[in-house]
Amino acid sequence: MKVKELVEKLGLQVFAGHQGLEKEITGGYCADLLSDVMGNSQQGMVWITLQSHKNVIAVASLKELSAVILVNGVKPNADAAEQADAEGIPILGTSARAFEMAGKLWHLLTT
């Protein structure tokens, strides 16, 4: 599944990184600790988090993640959005909770 398909199917808002919407999604990871994501996420995953600062994009770029989904109505900081545009990493948003979003993502990727 591509990031743009995920956006359409789940009604996600695209805050930044529009040029990365064609990336393929290989799985998902849900965490708010940057060190946990650095140690355990894998290339192509979508990262579900509450964190909205520039370091999120640095980690997503380092791990070659396909996108970041901000939950609970959180919006990215301006510098994070700017960095996401520069790196081509989509920052997506939803008012859903992390638990709900993880379940929806899992369902889409496994059925």
C-alpha atoms as a PDB file:
ATOM      1  CA  MET A   1       0.000   0.000   0.000  1.00  0.00           C
ATOM      2  CA  LYS A   2       1.225   3.497  -0.781  1.00  0.00           C
ATOM      3  CA  VAL A   3       1.032   6.411   1.638  1.00  0.00           C
ATOM      4  CA  LYS A   4      -1.482   8.206  -0.593  1.00  0.00           C
ATOM      5  CA  GLU A   5      -3.809   5.175  -0.405  1.00  0.00           C
ATOM      6  CA  LEU A   6      -3.547   5.206   3.391  1.00  0.00           C
ATOM      7  CA  VAL A   7      -4.467   8.901   3.410  1.00  0.00           C
ATOM      8  CA  GLU A   8      -7.523   8.245   1.254  1.00  0.00           C
ATOM      9  CA  LYS A   9      -8.733   5.149   3.117  1.00  0.00           C
ATOM     10  CA  LEU A  10      -8.365   6.640   6.602  1.00  0.00           C
ATOM     11  CA  GLY A  11      -9.218  10.266   5.786  1.00  0.00           C
ATOM     12  CA  LEU A  12      -5.892  11.553   7.094  1.00  0.00           C
ATOM     13  CA  GLN A  13      -4.772  15.149   6.755  1.00  0.00           C
ATOM     14  CA  VAL A  14      -1.474  15.748   4.936  1.00  0.00           C
ATOM     15  CA  PHE A  15       0.468  18.485   6.740  1.00  0.00           C
ATOM     16  CA  ALA A  16       3.783  18.260   4.876  1.00  0.00           C
ATOM     17  CA  GLY A  17       5.982  16.026   2.733  1.00  0.00           C
ATOM     18  CA  HIS A  18       3.514  15.717  -0.148  1.00  0.00           C
ATOM     19  CA  GLN A  19       6.264  14.510  -2.493  1.00  0.00           C
ATOM     20  CA  GLY A  20       6.572  11.323  -0.401  1.00  0.00           C
ATOM     21  CA  LEU A  21       2.976  10.184  -0.862  1.00  0.00           C
ATOM     22  CA  GLU A  22       4.049   7.555  -3.417  1.00  0.00           C
ATOM     23  CA  LYS A  23       6.198   5.694  -0.879  1.00  0.00           C
ATOM     24  CA  GLU A  24       5.315   2.073  -0.140  1.00  0.00           C
ATOM     25  CA  ILE A  25       4.296   1.096   3.380  1.00  0.00           C
ATOM     26  CA  THR A  26       5.781  -2.122   4.791  1.00  0.00           C
ATOM     27  CA  GLY A  27       4.315  -1.945   8.299  1.00  0.00           C
ATOM     28  CA  GLY A  28       3.734   0.323  11.248  1.00  0.00           C
ATOM     29  CA  TYR A  29       5.336   1.325  14.516  1.00  0.00           C
ATOM     30  CA  CYS A  30       3.693   3.094  17.439  1.00  0.00           C
ATOM     31  CA  ALA A  31       5.892   4.842  20.022  1.00  0.00           C
ATOM     32  CA  ASP A  32       6.675   8.245  21.474  1.00  0.00           C
ATOM     33  CA  LEU A  33      10.267   7.617  22.557  1.00  0.00           C
ATOM     34  CA  LEU A  34      12.674   8.555  19.763  1.00  0.00           C
ATOM     35  CA  SER A  35      15.257   6.044  20.993  1.00  0.00           C
ATOM     36  CA  ASP A  36      12.672   3.255  20.831  1.00  0.00           C
ATOM     37  CA  VAL A  37      11.806   4.140  17.234  1.00  0.00           C
ATOM     38  CA  MET A  38      15.492   4.332  16.307  1.00  0.00           C
ATOM     39  CA  GLY A  39      16.125   0.917  17.803  1.00  0.00           C
ATOM     40  CA  ASN A  40      13.047  -0.973  16.650  1.00  0.00           C
ATOM     41  CA  SER A  41      11.352   0.522  13.588  1.00  0.00           C
ATOM     42  CA  GLN A  42      12.226  -0.645  10.101  1.00  0.00           C
ATOM     43  CA  GLN A  43      12.501   0.927   6.685  1.00  0.00           C
ATOM     44  CA  GLY A  44       9.130   1.575   5.037  1.00  0.00           C
ATOM     45  CA  MET A  45       7.100   1.629   8.242  1.00  0.00           C
ATOM     46  CA  VAL A  46       4.596   4.318   9.196  1.00  0.00           C
ATOM     47  CA  TRP A  47       5.320   5.826  12.602  1.00  0.00           C
ATOM     48  CA  ILE A  48       2.325   6.662  14.822  1.00  0.00           C
ATOM     49  CA  THR A  49       3.181   9.235  17.520  1.00  0.00           C
ATOM     50  CA  LEU A  50       2.190  12.283  19.566  1.00  0.00           C
ATOM     51  CA  GLN A  51       5.594  13.892  19.019  1.00  0.00           C
ATOM     52  CA  SER A  52       5.488  16.814  16.593  1.00  0.00           C
ATOM     53  CA  HIS A  53       8.957  18.396  16.633  1.00  0.00           C
ATOM     54  CA  LYS A  54      11.821  18.438  14.135  1.00  0.00           C
ATOM     55  CA  ASN A  55      13.636  15.485  15.730  1.00  0.00           C
ATOM     56  CA  VAL A  56      10.758  13.221  14.690  1.00  0.00           C
ATOM     57  CA  ILE A  57      11.620  13.923  11.070  1.00  0.00           C
ATOM     58  CA  ALA A  58      15.312  13.350  11.737  1.00  0.00           C
ATOM     59  CA  VAL A  59      14.534   9.885  13.130  1.00  0.00           C
ATOM     60  CA  ALA A  60      12.059   9.124  10.328  1.00  0.00           C
ATOM     61  CA  SER A  61      14.721  10.072   7.772  1.00  0.00           C
ATOM     62  CA  LEU A  62      17.447   8.063   9.530  1.00  0.00           C
ATOM     63  CA  LYS A  63      15.241   4.953   9.613  1.00  0.00           C
ATOM     64  CA  GLU A  64      13.841   5.588   6.091  1.00  0.00           C
ATOM     65  CA  LEU A  65      10.256   5.497   7.334  1.00  0.00           C
ATOM     66  CA  SER A  66       7.479   6.054   4.794  1.00  0.00           C
ATOM     67  CA  ALA A  67       5.424   8.524   6.847  1.00  0.00           C
ATOM     68  CA  VAL A  68       4.600   9.860  10.296  1.00  0.00           C
ATOM     69  CA  ILE A  69       1.038   9.945  11.626  1.00  0.00           C
ATOM     70  CA  LEU A  70       0.330  12.457  14.382  1.00  0.00           C
ATOM     71  CA  VAL A  71      -2.609  11.399  16.563  1.00  0.00           C
ATOM     72  CA  ASN A  72      -4.997  13.132  19.013  1.00  0.00           C
ATOM     73  CA  GLY A  73      -5.317  16.169  16.746  1.00  0.00           C
ATOM     74  CA  VAL A  74      -1.651  17.118  17.195  1.00  0.00           C
ATOM     75  CA  LYS A  75      -0.202  19.344  14.462  1.00  0.00           C
ATOM     76  CA  PRO A  76       3.468  19.489  13.483  1.00  0.00           C
ATOM     77  CA  ASN A  77       5.705  22.337  14.563  1.00  0.00           C
ATOM     78  CA  ALA A  78       6.636  24.675  11.714  1.00  0.00           C
ATOM     79  CA  ASP A  79      10.257  23.515  11.683  1.00  0.00           C
ATOM     80  CA  ALA A  80       9.149  19.865  11.573  1.00  0.00           C
ATOM     81  CA  ALA A  81       6.877  20.555   8.595  1.00  0.00           C
ATOM     82  CA  GLU A  82       9.677  22.421   6.835  1.00  0.00           C
ATOM     83  CA  GLN A  83      12.084  19.528   7.422  1.00  0.00           C
ATOM     84  CA  ALA A  84       9.469  16.992   6.262  1.00  0.00           C
ATOM     85  CA  ASP A  85       9.074  18.908   3.002  1.00  0.00           C
ATOM     86  CA  ALA A  86      12.854  18.976   2.534  1.00  0.00           C
ATOM     87  CA  GLU A  87      13.189  15.232   3.290  1.00  0.00           C
ATOM     88  CA  GLY A  88      10.056  14.101   1.421  1.00  0.00           C
ATOM     89  CA  ILE A  89       8.579  12.441   4.504  1.00  0.00           C
ATOM     90  CA  PRO A  90       4.814  12.863   4.756  1.00  0.00           C
ATOM     91  CA  ILE A  91       3.466  14.108   8.075  1.00  0.00           C
ATOM     92  CA  LEU A  92      -0.132  12.977   8.357  1.00  0.00           C
ATOM     93  CA  GLY A  93      -2.676  13.826  11.014  1.00  0.00           C
ATOM     94  CA  THR A  94      -5.804  12.494  12.671  1.00  0.00           C
ATOM     95  CA  SER A  95      -7.945  13.222  15.703  1.00  0.00           C
ATOM     96  CA  ALA A  96      -7.996   9.483  16.481  1.00  0.00           C
ATOM     97  CA  ARG A  97      -6.027   8.044  19.403  1.00  0.00           C
ATOM     98  CA  ALA A  98      -2.834   6.060  18.806  1.00  0.00           C
ATOM     99  CA  PHE A  99      -4.507   2.765  19.766  1.00  0.00           C
ATOM    100  CA  GLU A 100      -7.302   3.298  17.252  1.00  0.00           C
ATOM    101  CA  MET A 101      -4.945   4.391  14.480  1.00  0.00           C
ATOM    102  CA  ALA A 102      -2.635   1.427  15.058  1.00  0.00           C
ATOM    103  CA  GLY A 103      -5.602  -0.937  14.792  1.00  0.00           C
ATOM    104  CA  LYS A 104      -6.827   0.647  11.575  1.00  0.00           C
ATOM    105  CA  LEU A 105      -3.349   0.572  10.037  1.00  0.00           C
ATOM    106  CA  TRP A 106      -2.860  -3.070  11.039  1.00  0.00           C
ATOM    107  CA  HIS A 107      -6.231  -3.996   9.565  1.00  0.00           C
ATOM    108  CA  LEU A 108      -5.468  -2.289   6.240  1.00  0.00           C
ATOM    109  CA  LEU A 109      -2.051  -3.906   5.941  1.00  0.00           C
ATOM    110  CA  THR A 110      -3.145  -7.430   6.842  1.00  0.00           C
ATOM    111  CA  THR A 111      -6.437  -7.869   4.974  1.00  0.00           C
END
